[in-house]
Amino acid sequence: MFNLDLIELPSLIRIDGEQRHYQTPTGQKYPSVTTVLSKTKDQTFLHAWRQRIGEDTAAKITAQAGRRGTATHLLCEKFVLNESIDLKQEMPLSVHLFKQLEGVLTENVNNVRVSEGSLFSHKLKVAGSVDLIANWRNHAAIIDFKTSRKNKRKDWIEDYFMQCAMYSYMFWEMTGLHHPTLVVAIAVEEENEPQIFVEHVNDWIDKAQDRCKKYHNMNL
């Protein structure tokens, strides 16, 4: 059982479209973290991949990845909130991915502050939904769950670290609480153990802020 020390965060209105936005309680509309990062990254590799395999196949793989990620996130959310889970009702792949993260969470996480909470920053002018804010090995941390077919190289996932850095900044701006440790936990289809990457917000927040500035300059 996890110790729950939950913080209530304000609800945001999600606005879906070509670019996802969130509306704050005071009416500001900010782009999502994932929108900012996707619109400001080099898409050359992604475009080449879609062209190589075809748009229909690429769309199918993307949709499958989305369903895989959503199912795994929901199981992790229930688990860290000490809610009952009936894995017999889940698809085998979802169970496989969740079981990888279950052990890691049990061994390393406690003092859960936020699970699937909405965050925003008036300074960065960005918003999003954080997977988990808790202690990781007794260090205040932002924890993000990912799923993948294969193992990732660290240099492939720098956007994940910037995503977590933005969450850390937003949470600090909203609450005054500093969670500098960034954890990306990736459950991998073709493996039996997840990949765990642990970083520090100071190594990524400047890059994250630059991406926010780039996005807003692009959308003046």
C-alpha atoms as a PDB file:
ATOM      1  CA  MET A   1       0.000   0.000   0.000  1.00  0.00           C
ATOM      2  CA  PHE A   2       1.217   3.479  -0.859  1.00  0.00           C
ATOM      3  CA  ASN A   3       1.099   6.367   1.558  1.00  0.00           C
ATOM      4  CA  LEU A   4      -1.280   8.919   0.060  1.00  0.00           C
ATOM      5  CA  ASP A   5      -0.678  12.586   0.825  1.00  0.00           C
ATOM      6  CA  LEU A   6      -2.757  13.941  -2.029  1.00  0.00           C
ATOM      7  CA  ILE A   7      -2.858  17.557  -3.116  1.00  0.00           C
ATOM      8  CA  GLU A   8      -6.034  18.837  -4.768  1.00  0.00           C
ATOM      9  CA  LEU A   9      -5.305  20.646  -8.010  1.00  0.00           C
ATOM     10  CA  PRO A  10      -7.754  22.800 -10.008  1.00  0.00           C
ATOM     11  CA  SER A  11      -9.522  21.178 -12.939  1.00  0.00           C
ATOM     12  CA  LEU A  12      -8.711  22.300 -16.460  1.00  0.00           C
ATOM     13  CA  ILE A  13     -10.989  22.152 -19.501  1.00  0.00           C
ATOM     14  CA  ARG A  14      -9.345  20.123 -22.264  1.00  0.00           C
ATOM     15  CA  ILE A  15      -9.866  21.446 -25.771  1.00  0.00           C
ATOM     16  CA  ASP A  16      -9.005  18.884 -28.441  1.00  0.00           C
ATOM     17  CA  GLY A  17      -8.289  19.758 -32.031  1.00  0.00           C
ATOM     18  CA  GLU A  18      -5.325  19.821 -34.374  1.00  0.00           C
ATOM     19  CA  GLN A  19      -3.445  21.248 -31.379  1.00  0.00           C
ATOM     20  CA  ARG A  20      -4.617  20.333 -27.868  1.00  0.00           C
ATOM     21  CA  HIS A  21      -5.159  23.172 -25.417  1.00  0.00           C
ATOM     22  CA  TYR A  22      -6.315  23.494 -21.811  1.00  0.00           C
ATOM     23  CA  GLN A  23      -8.374  26.292 -20.329  1.00  0.00           C
ATOM     24  CA  THR A  24      -7.408  27.387 -16.820  1.00  0.00           C
ATOM     25  CA  PRO A  25      -9.930  28.307 -14.100  1.00  0.00           C
ATOM     26  CA  THR A  26      -9.251  31.980 -14.867  1.00  0.00           C
ATOM     27  CA  GLY A  27      -9.900  31.592 -18.598  1.00  0.00           C
ATOM     28  CA  GLN A  28      -6.436  31.408 -20.173  1.00  0.00           C
ATOM     29  CA  LYS A  29      -6.021  28.862 -22.956  1.00  0.00           C
ATOM     30  CA  TYR A  30      -2.603  27.225 -23.029  1.00  0.00           C
ATOM     31  CA  PRO A  31      -1.232  24.558 -25.390  1.00  0.00           C
ATOM     32  CA  SER A  32      -0.514  21.138 -23.957  1.00  0.00           C
ATOM     33  CA  VAL A  33       3.042  20.119 -23.176  1.00  0.00           C
ATOM     34  CA  THR A  34       2.887  17.402 -25.827  1.00  0.00           C
ATOM     35  CA  THR A  35       1.624  19.891 -28.418  1.00  0.00           C
ATOM     36  CA  VAL A  36       4.478  22.301 -27.680  1.00  0.00           C
ATOM     37  CA  LEU A  37       7.083  19.561 -27.928  1.00  0.00           C
ATOM     38  CA  SER A  38       5.670  17.910 -31.057  1.00  0.00           C
ATOM     39  CA  LYS A  39       5.316  21.208 -32.926  1.00  0.00           C
ATOM     40  CA  THR A  40       8.850  22.356 -32.126  1.00  0.00           C
ATOM     41  CA  LYS A  41      10.849  19.179 -32.733  1.00  0.00           C
ATOM     42  CA  ASP A  42      12.612  18.034 -35.847  1.00  0.00           C
ATOM     43  CA  GLN A  43      10.027  15.897 -37.642  1.00  0.00           C
ATOM     44  CA  THR A  44      12.364  14.697 -40.403  1.00  0.00           C
ATOM     45  CA  PHE A  45      12.674  11.158 -39.025  1.00  0.00           C
ATOM     46  CA  LEU A  46       8.931  10.881 -38.364  1.00  0.00           C
ATOM     47  CA  HIS A  47       8.008  12.062 -41.853  1.00  0.00           C
ATOM     48  CA  ALA A  48      10.491   9.626 -43.403  1.00  0.00           C
ATOM     49  CA  TRP A  49       9.069   6.773 -41.309  1.00  0.00           C
ATOM     50  CA  ARG A  50       5.488   7.558 -42.340  1.00  0.00           C
ATOM     51  CA  GLN A  51       6.504   7.793 -45.969  1.00  0.00           C
ATOM     52  CA  ARG A  52       8.423   4.524 -45.797  1.00  0.00           C
ATOM     53  CA  ILE A  53       5.632   2.415 -44.295  1.00  0.00           C
ATOM     54  CA  GLY A  54       2.666   4.309 -45.694  1.00  0.00           C
ATOM     55  CA  GLU A  55       0.154   6.631 -44.044  1.00  0.00           C
ATOM     56  CA  ASP A  56      -2.439   3.937 -43.341  1.00  0.00           C
ATOM     57  CA  THR A  57       0.049   1.654 -41.595  1.00  0.00           C
ATOM     58  CA  ALA A  58       1.539   4.566 -39.662  1.00  0.00           C
ATOM     59  CA  ALA A  59      -1.900   5.650 -38.488  1.00  0.00           C
ATOM     60  CA  LYS A  60      -2.701   2.104 -37.367  1.00  0.00           C
ATOM     61  CA  ILE A  61       0.558   1.786 -35.397  1.00  0.00           C
ATOM     62  CA  THR A  62       0.002   5.206 -33.789  1.00  0.00           C
ATOM     63  CA  ALA A  63      -3.544   4.289 -32.767  1.00  0.00           C
ATOM     64  CA  GLN A  64      -2.379   0.969 -31.299  1.00  0.00           C
ATOM     65  CA  ALA A  65       0.326   2.774 -29.325  1.00  0.00           C
ATOM     66  CA  GLY A  66      -2.261   5.198 -27.988  1.00  0.00           C
ATOM     67  CA  ARG A  67      -4.549   2.408 -26.795  1.00  0.00           C
ATOM     68  CA  ARG A  68      -1.601   0.535 -25.269  1.00  0.00           C
ATOM     69  CA  GLY A  69      -0.463   3.614 -23.400  1.00  0.00           C
ATOM     70  CA  THR A  70      -3.933   4.557 -22.152  1.00  0.00           C
ATOM     71  CA  ALA A  71      -4.648   1.095 -20.749  1.00  0.00           C
ATOM     72  CA  THR A  72      -1.285   0.927 -18.974  1.00  0.00           C
ATOM     73  CA  HIS A  73      -1.679   4.413 -17.522  1.00  0.00           C
ATOM     74  CA  LEU A  74      -5.109   3.598 -16.121  1.00  0.00           C
ATOM     75  CA  LEU A  75      -3.791   0.494 -14.370  1.00  0.00           C
ATOM     76  CA  CYS A  76      -0.855   2.419 -12.900  1.00  0.00           C
ATOM     77  CA  GLU A  77      -3.181   5.175 -11.708  1.00  0.00           C
ATOM     78  CA  LYS A  78      -5.414   2.698  -9.879  1.00  0.00           C
ATOM     79  CA  PHE A  79      -2.403   0.928  -8.418  1.00  0.00           C
ATOM     80  CA  VAL A  80      -0.726   3.995  -6.888  1.00  0.00           C
ATOM     81  CA  LEU A  81      -4.073   5.122  -5.438  1.00  0.00           C
ATOM     82  CA  ASN A  82      -4.465   1.738  -3.706  1.00  0.00           C
ATOM     83  CA  GLU A  83      -7.546   0.868  -5.754  1.00  0.00           C
ATOM     84  CA  SER A  84      -8.458  -2.715  -6.577  1.00  0.00           C
ATOM     85  CA  ILE A  85      -7.431  -4.058  -9.976  1.00  0.00           C
ATOM     86  CA  ASP A  86      -8.846  -7.098 -11.748  1.00  0.00           C
ATOM     87  CA  LEU A  87      -6.213  -8.069 -14.280  1.00  0.00           C
ATOM     88  CA  LYS A  88      -8.459 -10.855 -15.602  1.00  0.00           C
ATOM     89  CA  GLN A  89     -10.498  -8.123 -17.277  1.00  0.00           C
ATOM     90  CA  GLU A  90      -7.489  -6.650 -19.068  1.00  0.00           C
ATOM     91  CA  MET A  91      -5.849  -7.511 -22.384  1.00  0.00           C
ATOM     92  CA  PRO A  92      -2.701  -9.670 -22.070  1.00  0.00           C
ATOM     93  CA  LEU A  93      -0.434  -6.931 -23.452  1.00  0.00           C
ATOM     94  CA  SER A  94      -1.768  -4.389 -20.951  1.00  0.00           C
ATOM     95  CA  VAL A  95      -1.131  -6.849 -18.133  1.00  0.00           C
ATOM     96  CA  HIS A  96       2.401  -7.546 -19.399  1.00  0.00           C
ATOM     97  CA  LEU A  97       3.258  -3.846 -19.492  1.00  0.00           C
ATOM     98  CA  PHE A  98       1.621  -3.038 -16.169  1.00  0.00           C
ATOM     99  CA  LYS A  99       3.389  -5.889 -14.372  1.00  0.00           C
ATOM    100  CA  GLN A 100       6.729  -4.399 -15.440  1.00  0.00           C
ATOM    101  CA  LEU A 101       5.842  -1.074 -13.822  1.00  0.00           C
ATOM    102  CA  GLU A 102       4.096  -2.602 -10.809  1.00  0.00           C
ATOM    103  CA  GLY A 103       7.316  -3.968  -9.356  1.00  0.00           C
ATOM    104  CA  VAL A 104       9.242  -0.767  -9.998  1.00  0.00           C
ATOM    105  CA  LEU A 105       6.549   1.346  -8.342  1.00  0.00           C
ATOM    106  CA  THR A 106       6.334  -0.960  -5.334  1.00  0.00           C
ATOM    107  CA  GLU A 107      10.091  -0.835  -4.772  1.00  0.00           C
ATOM    108  CA  ASN A 108      10.725   2.855  -5.376  1.00  0.00           C
ATOM    109  CA  VAL A 109       7.615   4.995  -4.877  1.00  0.00           C
ATOM    110  CA  ASN A 110       5.852   6.372  -1.831  1.00  0.00           C
ATOM    111  CA  ASN A 111       4.193   9.519  -0.509  1.00  0.00           C
ATOM    112  CA  VAL A 112       1.913  10.001  -3.500  1.00  0.00           C
ATOM    113  CA  ARG A 113       0.981  13.667  -3.945  1.00  0.00           C
ATOM    114  CA  VAL A 114      -0.719  13.680  -7.361  1.00  0.00           C
ATOM    115  CA  SER A 115      -1.922  10.987  -9.744  1.00  0.00           C
ATOM    116  CA  GLU A 116      -3.125  12.099 -13.188  1.00  0.00           C
ATOM    117  CA  GLY A 117      -3.355  15.744 -12.183  1.00  0.00           C
ATOM    118  CA  SER A 118      -3.777  18.882 -14.305  1.00  0.00           C
ATOM    119  CA  LEU A 119      -0.989  21.465 -14.266  1.00  0.00           C
ATOM    120  CA  PHE A 120      -0.402  24.820 -15.932  1.00  0.00           C
ATOM    121  CA  SER A 121       2.086  27.683 -15.899  1.00  0.00           C
ATOM    122  CA  HIS A 122       1.327  31.339 -16.559  1.00  0.00           C
ATOM    123  CA  LYS A 123       5.027  31.968 -17.121  1.00  0.00           C
ATOM    124  CA  LEU A 124       5.636  29.145 -19.599  1.00  0.00           C
ATOM    125  CA  LYS A 125       2.084  29.524 -20.984  1.00  0.00           C
ATOM    126  CA  VAL A 126       1.664  25.780 -21.177  1.00  0.00           C
ATOM    127  CA  ALA A 127      -0.496  23.128 -19.514  1.00  0.00           C
ATOM    128  CA  GLY A 128      -0.764  19.367 -19.249  1.00  0.00           C
ATOM    129  CA  SER A 129      -1.604  16.270 -17.242  1.00  0.00           C
ATOM    130  CA  VAL A 130       1.108  14.726 -15.090  1.00  0.00           C
ATOM    131  CA  ASP A 131       1.127  10.958 -14.504  1.00  0.00           C
ATOM    132  CA  LEU A 132       2.498  10.881 -10.964  1.00  0.00           C
ATOM    133  CA  ILE A 133       4.051  13.207  -8.407  1.00  0.00           C
ATOM    134  CA  ALA A 134       5.506  11.292  -5.478  1.00  0.00           C
ATOM    135  CA  ASN A 135       8.725  10.309  -3.754  1.00  0.00           C
ATOM    136  CA  TRP A 136      11.127   8.182  -5.776  1.00  0.00           C
ATOM    137  CA  ARG A 137      13.624   6.517  -3.429  1.00  0.00           C
ATOM    138  CA  ASN A 138      12.818   9.298  -0.941  1.00  0.00           C
ATOM    139  CA  HIS A 139      13.481  12.051  -3.484  1.00  0.00           C
ATOM    140  CA  ALA A 140      10.605  14.362  -4.472  1.00  0.00           C
ATOM    141  CA  ALA A 141       9.954  13.431  -8.091  1.00  0.00           C
ATOM    142  CA  ILE A 142       7.914  13.841 -11.243  1.00  0.00           C
ATOM    143  CA  ILE A 143       7.247  10.362 -12.638  1.00  0.00           C
ATOM    144  CA  ASP A 144       6.076   9.728 -16.190  1.00  0.00           C
ATOM    145  CA  PHE A 145       4.894   6.392 -17.575  1.00  0.00           C
ATOM    146  CA  LYS A 146       5.607   5.460 -21.179  1.00  0.00           C
ATOM    147  CA  THR A 147       5.098   2.336 -23.266  1.00  0.00           C
ATOM    148  CA  SER A 148       7.124   1.170 -26.236  1.00  0.00           C
ATOM    149  CA  ARG A 149       7.516  -1.797 -28.545  1.00  0.00           C
ATOM    150  CA  LYS A 150      11.313  -1.816 -28.151  1.00  0.00           C
ATOM    151  CA  ASN A 151      13.945  -0.372 -25.839  1.00  0.00           C
ATOM    152  CA  LYS A 152      14.764   3.316 -26.278  1.00  0.00           C
ATOM    153  CA  ARG A 153      18.136   5.009 -26.402  1.00  0.00           C
ATOM    154  CA  LYS A 154      18.452   7.984 -24.071  1.00  0.00           C
ATOM    155  CA  ASP A 155      19.217  10.395 -26.899  1.00  0.00           C
ATOM    156  CA  TRP A 156      15.930   9.398 -28.570  1.00  0.00           C
ATOM    157  CA  ILE A 157      13.787  10.507 -25.645  1.00  0.00           C
ATOM    158  CA  GLU A 158      15.053  13.935 -24.667  1.00  0.00           C
ATOM    159  CA  ASP A 159      11.537  15.301 -25.162  1.00  0.00           C
ATOM    160  CA  TYR A 160      10.364  13.017 -22.347  1.00  0.00           C
ATOM    161  CA  PHE A 161      12.795  14.680 -19.958  1.00  0.00           C
ATOM    162  CA  MET A 162      11.722  18.144 -21.095  1.00  0.00           C
ATOM    163  CA  GLN A 163       8.099  17.116 -20.591  1.00  0.00           C
ATOM    164  CA  CYS A 164       8.849  16.128 -16.997  1.00  0.00           C
ATOM    165  CA  ALA A 165      10.844  19.317 -16.455  1.00  0.00           C
ATOM    166  CA  MET A 166       7.821  21.372 -17.499  1.00  0.00           C
ATOM    167  CA  TYR A 167       5.627  19.417 -15.094  1.00  0.00           C
ATOM    168  CA  SER A 168       8.120  20.062 -12.302  1.00  0.00           C
ATOM    169  CA  TYR A 169       8.132  23.780 -13.053  1.00  0.00           C
ATOM    170  CA  MET A 170       4.333  23.982 -13.301  1.00  0.00           C
ATOM    171  CA  PHE A 171       3.852  22.136 -10.011  1.00  0.00           C
ATOM    172  CA  TRP A 172       6.332  24.452  -8.290  1.00  0.00           C
ATOM    173  CA  GLU A 173       4.607  27.530  -9.735  1.00  0.00           C
ATOM    174  CA  MET A 174       1.181  26.307  -8.586  1.00  0.00           C
ATOM    175  CA  THR A 175       2.078  24.961  -5.140  1.00  0.00           C
ATOM    176  CA  GLY A 176       5.537  26.219  -4.163  1.00  0.00           C
ATOM    177  CA  LEU A 177       6.655  22.574  -3.818  1.00  0.00           C
ATOM    178  CA  HIS A 178       9.904  21.618  -5.538  1.00  0.00           C
ATOM    179  CA  HIS A 179      10.131  18.159  -7.123  1.00  0.00           C
ATOM    180  CA  PRO A 180      13.475  18.210  -8.964  1.00  0.00           C
ATOM    181  CA  THR A 181      13.934  14.498  -9.685  1.00  0.00           C
ATOM    182  CA  LEU A 182      12.579  13.406 -13.081  1.00  0.00           C
ATOM    183  CA  VAL A 183      11.773   9.730 -13.659  1.00  0.00           C
ATOM    184  CA  VAL A 184      10.733   8.243 -16.994  1.00  0.00           C
ATOM    185  CA  ALA A 185       9.573   4.629 -16.654  1.00  0.00           C
ATOM    186  CA  ILE A 186       9.081   2.838 -19.972  1.00  0.00           C
ATOM    187  CA  ALA A 187       7.277  -0.510 -20.123  1.00  0.00           C
ATOM    188  CA  VAL A 188       8.555  -2.389 -23.186  1.00  0.00           C
ATOM    189  CA  GLU A 189       6.525  -4.935 -25.156  1.00  0.00           C
ATOM    190  CA  GLU A 190       9.495  -7.045 -26.210  1.00  0.00           C
ATOM    191  CA  GLU A 191      11.136  -7.109 -22.777  1.00  0.00           C
ATOM    192  CA  ASN A 192      10.348  -8.356 -19.285  1.00  0.00           C
ATOM    193  CA  GLU A 193      11.875  -5.397 -17.452  1.00  0.00           C
ATOM    194  CA  PRO A 194      11.095  -1.708 -17.923  1.00  0.00           C
ATOM    195  CA  GLN A 195      13.599   0.976 -18.766  1.00  0.00           C
ATOM    196  CA  ILE A 196      14.089   3.538 -15.999  1.00  0.00           C
ATOM    197  CA  PHE A 197      15.708   6.912 -16.655  1.00  0.00           C
ATOM    198  CA  VAL A 198      16.362   9.282 -13.735  1.00  0.00           C
ATOM    199  CA  GLU A 199      17.319  12.889 -14.448  1.00  0.00           C
ATOM    200  CA  HIS A 200      17.380  16.265 -12.653  1.00  0.00           C
ATOM    201  CA  VAL A 201      15.181  19.204 -13.589  1.00  0.00           C
ATOM    202  CA  ASN A 202      18.157  21.582 -13.710  1.00  0.00           C
ATOM    203  CA  ASP A 203      19.570  19.674 -16.680  1.00  0.00           C
ATOM    204  CA  TRP A 204      16.413  20.078 -18.757  1.00  0.00           C
ATOM    205  CA  ILE A 205      14.376  23.108 -17.728  1.00  0.00           C
ATOM    206  CA  ASP A 206      16.334  25.611 -19.846  1.00  0.00           C
ATOM    207  CA  LYS A 207      15.845  23.455 -22.941  1.00  0.00           C
ATOM    208  CA  ALA A 208      12.174  23.057 -22.069  1.00  0.00           C
ATOM    209  CA  GLN A 209      11.727  26.823 -21.687  1.00  0.00           C
ATOM    210  CA  ASP A 210      13.423  27.369 -25.050  1.00  0.00           C
ATOM    211  CA  ARG A 211      10.931  25.002 -26.687  1.00  0.00           C
ATOM    212  CA  CYS A 212       8.028  26.885 -25.097  1.00  0.00           C
ATOM    213  CA  LYS A 213       9.400  30.212 -26.370  1.00  0.00           C
ATOM    214  CA  LYS A 214       9.904  28.723 -29.837  1.00  0.00           C
ATOM    215  CA  TYR A 215       6.314  27.469 -29.928  1.00  0.00           C
ATOM    216  CA  HIS A 216       4.829  30.776 -28.853  1.00  0.00           C
ATOM    217  CA  ASN A 217       6.994  32.697 -31.331  1.00  0.00           C
ATOM    218  CA  MET A 218       5.745  30.376 -34.070  1.00  0.00           C
ATOM    219  CA  ASN A 219       2.137  31.128 -33.097  1.00  0.00           C
ATOM    220  CA  LEU A 220       2.213  34.900 -32.679  1.00  0.00           C
END
